[in-house]
PDB file of N, CA and C in Angstrom:
ATOM      1  N   MET A   1     -55.370  59.076 -46.350  1.00  0.00           N
ATOM      2  CA  MET A   1     -54.258  59.011 -45.444  1.00  0.00           C
ATOM      3  C   MET A   1     -54.091  57.727 -44.941  1.00  0.00           C
ATOM      4  N   SER A   2     -52.722  57.289 -44.788  1.00  0.00           N
ATOM      5  CA  SER A   2     -52.406  56.012 -44.213  1.00  0.00           C
ATOM      6  C   SER A   2     -52.670  55.979 -42.749  1.00  0.00           C
ATOM      7  N   ASP A   3     -52.791  54.696 -42.258  1.00  0.00           N
ATOM      8  CA  ASP A   3     -52.828  54.587 -40.880  1.00  0.00           C
ATOM      9  C   ASP A   3     -51.668  55.051 -40.011  1.00  0.00           C
ATOM     10  N   MET A   4     -51.651  55.529 -38.963  1.00  0.00           N
ATOM     11  CA  MET A   4     -50.467  55.916 -38.141  1.00  0.00           C
ATOM     12  C   MET A   4     -50.660  55.446 -36.881  1.00  0.00           C
ATOM     13  N   THR A   5     -49.371  55.064 -36.284  1.00  0.00           N
ATOM     14  CA  THR A   5     -49.288  54.757 -34.920  1.00  0.00           C
ATOM     15  C   THR A   5     -48.486  55.700 -34.194  1.00  0.00           C
ATOM     16  N   LYS A   6     -49.051  56.305 -32.993  1.00  0.00           N
ATOM     17  CA  LYS A   6     -48.135  57.153 -32.269  1.00  0.00           C
ATOM     18  C   LYS A   6     -47.226  56.445 -31.281  1.00  0.00           C
ATOM     19  N   ILE A   7     -45.899  56.679 -31.189  1.00  0.00           N
ATOM     20  CA  ILE A   7     -45.104  56.060 -30.165  1.00  0.00           C
ATOM     21  C   ILE A   7     -44.278  57.032 -29.334  1.00  0.00           C
ATOM     22  N   SER A   8     -43.724  56.571 -28.348  1.00  0.00           N
ATOM     23  CA  SER A   8     -42.847  57.507 -27.635  1.00  0.00           C
ATOM     24  C   SER A   8     -41.493  56.982 -27.789  1.00  0.00           C
ATOM     25  N   VAL A   9     -40.503  57.867 -28.009  1.00  0.00           N
ATOM     26  CA  VAL A   9     -39.141  57.615 -28.142  1.00  0.00           C
ATOM     27  C   VAL A   9     -38.248  58.318 -27.292  1.00  0.00           C
ATOM     28  N   SER A  10     -37.189  57.668 -26.580  1.00  0.00           N
ATOM     29  CA  SER A  10     -36.476  58.441 -25.712  1.00  0.00           C
ATOM     30  C   SER A  10     -35.092  58.572 -26.412  1.00  0.00           C
ATOM     31  N   LEU A  11     -34.502  59.722 -26.502  1.00  0.00           N
ATOM     32  CA  LEU A  11     -33.120  60.048 -27.079  1.00  0.00           C
ATOM     33  C   LEU A  11     -32.384  60.832 -26.042  1.00  0.00           C
ATOM     34  N   GLU A  12     -31.078  60.646 -26.073  1.00  0.00           N
ATOM     35  CA  GLU A  12     -30.249  61.490 -25.271  1.00  0.00           C
ATOM     36  C   GLU A  12     -30.443  62.987 -25.753  1.00  0.00           C
ATOM     37  N   ASP A  13     -30.225  63.898 -24.669  1.00  0.00           N
ATOM     38  CA  ASP A  13     -30.685  65.249 -25.109  1.00  0.00           C
ATOM     39  C   ASP A  13     -29.732  65.812 -26.288  1.00  0.00           C
ATOM     40  N   SER A  14     -28.570  65.461 -26.296  1.00  0.00           N
ATOM     41  CA  SER A  14     -27.572  65.980 -27.397  1.00  0.00           C
ATOM     42  C   SER A  14     -28.034  65.262 -28.769  1.00  0.00           C
ATOM     43  N   LEU A  15     -28.484  63.981 -28.737  1.00  0.00           N
ATOM     44  CA  LEU A  15     -28.925  63.429 -29.922  1.00  0.00           C
ATOM     45  C   LEU A  15     -30.340  64.017 -30.474  1.00  0.00           C
ATOM     46  N   TYR A  16     -31.119  64.213 -29.456  1.00  0.00           N
ATOM     47  CA  TYR A  16     -32.525  64.926 -29.872  1.00  0.00           C
ATOM     48  C   TYR A  16     -32.073  66.292 -30.489  1.00  0.00           C
ATOM     49  N   GLU A  17     -31.378  66.971 -29.953  1.00  0.00           N
ATOM     50  CA  GLU A  17     -31.095  68.260 -30.632  1.00  0.00           C
ATOM     51  C   GLU A  17     -30.577  68.238 -32.000  1.00  0.00           C
ATOM     52  N   ARG A  18     -29.585  67.306 -32.177  1.00  0.00           N
ATOM     53  CA  ARG A  18     -29.069  67.054 -33.484  1.00  0.00           C
ATOM     54  C   ARG A  18     -30.167  66.689 -34.492  1.00  0.00           C
ATOM     55  N   VAL A  19     -30.997  65.717 -34.145  1.00  0.00           N
ATOM     56  CA  VAL A  19     -31.981  65.141 -34.929  1.00  0.00           C
ATOM     57  C   VAL A  19     -33.032  66.491 -35.140  1.00  0.00           C
ATOM     58  N   ARG A  20     -33.570  67.117 -34.134  1.00  0.00           N
ATOM     59  CA  ARG A  20     -34.202  68.274 -34.284  1.00  0.00           C
ATOM     60  C   ARG A  20     -33.827  69.362 -35.393  1.00  0.00           C
ATOM     61  N   ASP A  21     -32.533  69.528 -35.265  1.00  0.00           N
ATOM     62  CA  ASP A  21     -31.841  70.472 -36.170  1.00  0.00           C
ATOM     63  C   ASP A  21     -31.910  69.990 -37.581  1.00  0.00           C
ATOM     64  N   ALA A  22     -31.520  68.744 -37.665  1.00  0.00           N
ATOM     65  CA  ALA A  22     -31.400  68.145 -38.977  1.00  0.00           C
ATOM     66  C   ALA A  22     -32.797  67.979 -39.731  1.00  0.00           C
ATOM     67  N   ALA A  23     -33.847  67.807 -38.870  1.00  0.00           N
ATOM     68  CA  ALA A  23     -35.210  67.417 -39.361  1.00  0.00           C
ATOM     69  C   ALA A  23     -35.765  68.947 -39.859  1.00  0.00           C
ATOM     70  N   GLY A  24     -35.426  69.917 -39.335  1.00  0.00           N
ATOM     71  CA  GLY A  24     -35.966  71.271 -39.833  1.00  0.00           C
ATOM     72  C   GLY A  24     -37.455  71.294 -39.807  1.00  0.00           C
ATOM     73  N   SER A  25     -37.851  71.653 -41.163  1.00  0.00           N
ATOM     74  CA  SER A  25     -39.362  71.872 -41.259  1.00  0.00           C
ATOM     75  C   SER A  25     -40.102  70.488 -41.533  1.00  0.00           C
ATOM     76  N   GLU A  26     -39.207  69.493 -41.742  1.00  0.00           N
ATOM     77  CA  GLU A  26     -39.974  68.054 -41.934  1.00  0.00           C
ATOM     78  C   GLU A  26     -40.406  67.595 -40.562  1.00  0.00           C
ATOM     79  N   GLY A  27     -39.815  68.186 -39.449  1.00  0.00           N
ATOM     80  CA  GLY A  27     -40.337  67.730 -38.123  1.00  0.00           C
ATOM     81  C   GLY A  27     -39.690  66.414 -37.714  1.00  0.00           C
ATOM     82  N   VAL A  28     -39.279  66.262 -36.356  1.00  0.00           N
ATOM     83  CA  VAL A  28     -38.804  65.135 -35.788  1.00  0.00           C
ATOM     84  C   VAL A  28     -39.466  63.907 -36.311  1.00  0.00           C
ATOM     85  N   SER A  29     -40.821  63.660 -36.162  1.00  0.00           N
ATOM     86  CA  SER A  29     -41.598  62.507 -36.448  1.00  0.00           C
ATOM     87  C   SER A  29     -41.239  61.911 -37.998  1.00  0.00           C
ATOM     88  N   GLY A  30     -41.211  63.063 -38.873  1.00  0.00           N
ATOM     89  CA  GLY A  30     -40.973  62.783 -40.360  1.00  0.00           C
ATOM     90  C   GLY A  30     -39.654  62.321 -40.585  1.00  0.00           C
ATOM     91  N   TRP A  31     -38.598  62.966 -39.886  1.00  0.00           N
ATOM     92  CA  TRP A  31     -37.349  62.623 -40.201  1.00  0.00           C
ATOM     93  C   TRP A  31     -37.033  61.315 -39.631  1.00  0.00           C
ATOM     94  N   LEU A  32     -37.472  60.886 -38.306  1.00  0.00           N
ATOM     95  CA  LEU A  32     -37.369  59.619 -37.897  1.00  0.00           C
ATOM     96  C   LEU A  32     -37.954  58.439 -38.703  1.00  0.00           C
ATOM     97  N   ALA A  33     -39.114  58.751 -39.212  1.00  0.00           N
ATOM     98  CA  ALA A  33     -39.846  57.696 -40.101  1.00  0.00           C
ATOM     99  C   ALA A  33     -39.096  57.655 -41.307  1.00  0.00           C
ATOM    100  N   ALA A  34     -38.362  58.687 -41.912  1.00  0.00           N
ATOM    101  CA  ALA A  34     -37.483  58.474 -43.093  1.00  0.00           C
ATOM    102  C   ALA A  34     -36.272  57.718 -42.667  1.00  0.00           C
ATOM    103  N   ALA A  35     -35.695  57.942 -41.539  1.00  0.00           N
ATOM    104  CA  ALA A  35     -34.413  57.199 -41.141  1.00  0.00           C
ATOM    105  C   ALA A  35     -34.806  55.813 -40.927  1.00  0.00           C
ATOM    106  N   ALA A  36     -35.958  55.416 -40.307  1.00  0.00           N
ATOM    107  CA  ALA A  36     -36.320  54.124 -40.127  1.00  0.00           C
ATOM    108  C   ALA A  36     -36.639  53.446 -41.494  1.00  0.00           C
ATOM    109  N   SER A  37     -37.215  54.069 -42.253  1.00  0.00           N
ATOM    110  CA  SER A  37     -37.409  53.469 -43.651  1.00  0.00           C
ATOM    111  C   SER A  37     -35.980  53.219 -44.420  1.00  0.00           C
ATOM    112  N   ALA A  38     -35.150  54.052 -44.470  1.00  0.00           N
ATOM    113  CA  ALA A  38     -33.881  53.947 -45.025  1.00  0.00           C
ATOM    114  C   ALA A  38     -33.126  52.676 -44.352  1.00  0.00           C
ATOM    115  N   ARG A  39     -33.094  52.592 -42.979  1.00  0.00           N
ATOM    116  CA  ARG A  39     -32.526  51.401 -42.344  1.00  0.00           C
ATOM    117  C   ARG A  39     -33.103  50.217 -42.767  1.00  0.00           C
ATOM    118  N   LEU A  40     -34.471  50.022 -42.903  1.00  0.00           N
ATOM    119  CA  LEU A  40     -35.186  48.825 -43.290  1.00  0.00           C
ATOM    120  C   LEU A  40     -34.599  48.456 -44.583  1.00  0.00           C
ATOM    121  N   ARG A  41     -34.544  49.517 -45.721  1.00  0.00           N
ATOM    122  CA  ARG A  41     -34.182  49.210 -46.897  1.00  0.00           C
ATOM    123  C   ARG A  41     -32.656  48.807 -46.996  1.00  0.00           C
ATOM    124  N   ALA A  42     -31.896  49.345 -46.247  1.00  0.00           N
ATOM    125  CA  ALA A  42     -30.403  48.967 -46.058  1.00  0.00           C
ATOM    126  C   ALA A  42     -30.248  47.574 -45.497  1.00  0.00           C
ATOM    127  N   ASP A  43     -31.142  47.241 -44.495  1.00  0.00           N
ATOM    128  CA  ASP A  43     -31.018  45.821 -43.944  1.00  0.00           C
ATOM    129  C   ASP A  43     -31.485  44.813 -45.037  1.00  0.00           C
ATOM    130  N   ALA A  44     -32.521  45.087 -45.766  1.00  0.00           N
ATOM    131  CA  ALA A  44     -33.091  44.237 -46.758  1.00  0.00           C
ATOM    132  C   ALA A  44     -31.950  44.000 -47.787  1.00  0.00           C
ATOM    133  N   LEU A  45     -31.259  45.130 -48.296  1.00  0.00           N
ATOM    134  CA  LEU A  45     -30.178  45.076 -49.243  1.00  0.00           C
ATOM    135  C   LEU A  45     -29.138  44.225 -48.759  1.00  0.00           C
ATOM    136  N   LEU A  46     -28.669  44.370 -47.540  1.00  0.00           N
ATOM    137  CA  LEU A  46     -27.761  43.417 -46.926  1.00  0.00           C
ATOM    138  C   LEU A  46     -28.168  42.025 -46.846  1.00  0.00           C
ATOM    139  N   ALA A  47     -29.307  41.801 -46.604  1.00  0.00           N
ATOM    140  CA  ALA A  47     -29.846  40.237 -46.526  1.00  0.00           C
ATOM    141  C   ALA A  47     -29.677  39.721 -47.893  1.00  0.00           C
ATOM    142  N   VAL A  48     -30.072  40.536 -48.843  1.00  0.00           N
ATOM    143  CA  VAL A  48     -29.964  39.879 -50.267  1.00  0.00           C
ATOM    144  C   VAL A  48     -28.603  39.713 -50.715  1.00  0.00           C
ATOM    145  N   THR A  49     -27.623  40.624 -50.258  1.00  0.00           N
ATOM    146  CA  THR A  49     -26.201  40.416 -50.614  1.00  0.00           C
ATOM    147  C   THR A  49     -25.757  39.163 -49.889  1.00  0.00           C
ATOM    148  N   ASP A  50     -25.975  38.897 -48.632  1.00  0.00           N
ATOM    149  CA  ASP A  50     -25.664  37.787 -47.884  1.00  0.00           C
ATOM    150  C   ASP A  50     -26.257  36.553 -48.565  1.00  0.00           C
ATOM    151  N   GLU A  51     -27.519  36.602 -48.998  1.00  0.00           N
ATOM    152  CA  GLU A  51     -27.858  35.507 -49.789  1.00  0.00           C
ATOM    153  C   GLU A  51     -27.149  35.143 -51.115  1.00  0.00           C
ATOM    154  N   ILE A  52     -26.950  36.218 -51.745  1.00  0.00           N
ATOM    155  CA  ILE A  52     -26.117  36.090 -53.061  1.00  0.00           C
ATOM    156  C   ILE A  52     -24.628  35.335 -52.639  1.00  0.00           C
ATOM    157  N   ALA A  53     -24.069  35.877 -51.547  1.00  0.00           N
ATOM    158  CA  ALA A  53     -22.831  35.447 -51.193  1.00  0.00           C
ATOM    159  C   ALA A  53     -22.755  34.063 -50.842  1.00  0.00           C
ATOM    160  N   ARG A  54     -23.894  33.560 -50.080  1.00  0.00           N
ATOM    161  CA  ARG A  54     -24.008  32.154 -49.804  1.00  0.00           C
ATOM    162  C   ARG A  54     -24.226  31.318 -51.004  1.00  0.00           C
ATOM    163  N   GLU A  55     -25.033  31.780 -52.061  1.00  0.00           N
ATOM    164  CA  GLU A  55     -25.278  31.059 -53.176  1.00  0.00           C
ATOM    165  C   GLU A  55     -24.073  30.876 -54.177  1.00  0.00           C
ATOM    166  N   THR A  56     -23.277  31.856 -53.986  1.00  0.00           N
ATOM    167  CA  THR A  56     -22.138  31.910 -54.994  1.00  0.00           C
ATOM    168  C   THR A  56     -20.883  31.438 -54.418  1.00  0.00           C
ATOM    169  N   GLY A  57     -20.837  30.985 -53.132  1.00  0.00           N
ATOM    170  CA  GLY A  57     -19.702  30.500 -52.497  1.00  0.00           C
ATOM    171  C   GLY A  57     -18.905  31.748 -51.745  1.00  0.00           C
ATOM    172  N   GLY A  58     -19.614  32.945 -51.663  1.00  0.00           N
ATOM    173  CA  GLY A  58     -18.771  34.075 -50.945  1.00  0.00           C
ATOM    174  C   GLY A  58     -17.928  33.782 -49.904  1.00  0.00           C
ATOM    175  N   PRO A  59     -17.235  34.613 -49.359  1.00  0.00           N
ATOM    176  CA  PRO A  59     -17.654  36.187 -49.252  1.00  0.00           C
ATOM    177  C   PRO A  59     -17.156  36.867 -50.595  1.00  0.00           C
ATOM    178  N   PHE A  60     -17.659  38.087 -50.744  1.00  0.00           N
ATOM    179  CA  PHE A  60     -17.243  38.719 -51.924  1.00  0.00           C
ATOM    180  C   PHE A  60     -15.715  39.057 -51.925  1.00  0.00           C
ATOM    181  N   THR A  61     -15.180  39.159 -53.233  1.00  0.00           N
ATOM    182  CA  THR A  61     -13.832  39.428 -53.369  1.00  0.00           C
ATOM    183  C   THR A  61     -13.736  40.975 -53.463  1.00  0.00           C
ATOM    184  N   GLU A  62     -12.550  41.556 -53.162  1.00  0.00           N
ATOM    185  CA  GLU A  62     -12.420  42.940 -53.238  1.00  0.00           C
ATOM    186  C   GLU A  62     -12.797  43.631 -54.596  1.00  0.00           C
ATOM    187  N   GLN A  63     -12.488  42.805 -55.688  1.00  0.00           N
ATOM    188  CA  GLN A  63     -12.876  43.188 -56.951  1.00  0.00           C
ATOM    189  C   GLN A  63     -14.345  43.364 -57.206  1.00  0.00           C
ATOM    190  N   GLU A  64     -15.194  42.263 -56.799  1.00  0.00           N
ATOM    191  CA  GLU A  64     -16.541  42.388 -56.632  1.00  0.00           C
ATOM    192  C   GLU A  64     -17.238  43.331 -55.830  1.00  0.00           C
ATOM    193  N   ILE A  65     -16.546  43.808 -54.845  1.00  0.00           N
ATOM    194  CA  ILE A  65     -16.997  44.811 -53.957  1.00  0.00           C
ATOM    195  C   ILE A  65     -16.752  46.181 -54.705  1.00  0.00           C
ATOM    196  N   ALA A  66     -15.657  46.241 -55.345  1.00  0.00           N
ATOM    197  CA  ALA A  66     -15.454  47.575 -56.118  1.00  0.00           C
ATOM    198  C   ALA A  66     -16.254  47.648 -57.250  1.00  0.00           C
ATOM    199  N   GLU A  67     -16.595  46.680 -57.890  1.00  0.00           N
ATOM    200  CA  GLU A  67     -17.487  46.680 -59.026  1.00  0.00           C
ATOM    201  C   GLU A  67     -18.999  47.080 -58.552  1.00  0.00           C
ATOM    202  N   ALA A  68     -19.368  46.378 -57.411  1.00  0.00           N
ATOM    203  CA  ALA A  68     -20.703  46.770 -56.836  1.00  0.00           C
ATOM    204  C   ALA A  68     -20.681  48.234 -56.397  1.00  0.00           C
ATOM    205  N   ARG A  69     -19.739  48.745 -55.947  1.00  0.00           N
ATOM    206  CA  ARG A  69     -19.525  50.301 -55.541  1.00  0.00           C
ATOM    207  C   ARG A  69     -19.880  51.160 -56.786  1.00  0.00           C
ATOM    208  N   GLN A  70     -19.479  50.657 -58.046  1.00  0.00           N
ATOM    209  CA  GLN A  70     -19.526  51.519 -59.230  1.00  0.00           C
ATOM    210  C   GLN A  70     -20.989  51.559 -59.465  1.00  0.00           C
ATOM    211  N   TRP A  71     -21.719  50.548 -59.199  1.00  0.00           N
ATOM    212  CA  TRP A  71     -23.325  50.530 -59.270  1.00  0.00           C
ATOM    213  C   TRP A  71     -24.013  51.396 -58.290  1.00  0.00           C
ATOM    214  N   LEU A  72     -23.447  51.291 -57.102  1.00  0.00           N
ATOM    215  CA  LEU A  72     -23.926  52.128 -55.919  1.00  0.00           C
ATOM    216  C   LEU A  72     -23.032  53.093 -55.383  1.00  0.00           C
ATOM    217  N   PRO A  73     -22.826  54.196 -56.095  1.00  0.00           N
ATOM    218  CA  PRO A  73     -21.653  55.085 -55.762  1.00  0.00           C
ATOM    219  C   PRO A  73     -22.146  55.899 -54.468  1.00  0.00           C
ATOM    220  N   SER A  74     -23.264  55.828 -54.063  1.00  0.00           N
ATOM    221  CA  SER A  74     -23.715  56.496 -52.794  1.00  0.00           C
ATOM    222  C   SER A  74     -23.690  55.734 -51.603  1.00  0.00           C
ATOM    223  N   SER A  75     -23.494  54.489 -51.773  1.00  0.00           N
ATOM    224  CA  SER A  75     -23.422  53.579 -50.669  1.00  0.00           C
ATOM    225  C   SER A  75     -22.361  53.852 -49.490  1.00  0.00           C
ATOM    226  N   SER A  76     -22.752  54.048 -48.393  1.00  0.00           N
ATOM    227  CA  SER A  76     -21.901  54.258 -47.393  1.00  0.00           C
ATOM    228  C   SER A  76     -21.829  53.073 -46.345  1.00  0.00           C
ATOM    229  N   THR A  77     -22.617  51.985 -46.825  1.00  0.00           N
ATOM    230  CA  THR A  77     -22.452  50.750 -45.866  1.00  0.00           C
ATOM    231  C   THR A  77     -21.201  49.912 -46.221  1.00  0.00           C
ATOM    232  N   ALA A  78     -20.605  49.653 -45.150  1.00  0.00           N
ATOM    233  CA  ALA A  78     -19.313  48.835 -45.341  1.00  0.00           C
ATOM    234  C   ALA A  78     -19.817  47.331 -45.612  1.00  0.00           C
ATOM    235  N   ALA A  79     -18.824  46.765 -46.602  1.00  0.00           N
ATOM    236  CA  ALA A  79     -19.019  45.456 -47.004  1.00  0.00           C
ATOM    237  C   ALA A  79     -19.043  44.591 -45.711  1.00  0.00           C
ATOM    238  N   ARG A  80     -19.581  43.471 -45.684  1.00  0.00           N
ATOM    239  CA  ARG A  80     -19.575  42.507 -44.549  1.00  0.00           C
ATOM    240  C   ARG A  80     -18.833  41.369 -44.924  1.00  0.00           C
TER     241      ARG A  80
END
């Protein structure tokens, strides 16, 4: 088993209720851990795309963005 750190998180009541409902049997802690992991991956991907844009004279053209979306059809992150 990996090391775990226990933390306290404050959420508005309505947000907590939505998270609790979405988490279901996974539990709020597991759901929040998965959400944090997904955010870190998204941030890393954006950092890579920023680096590529800098190295290739970006910003990306609309055509390049459309082509990238063909490879990442589930992406919901807006282009920067």
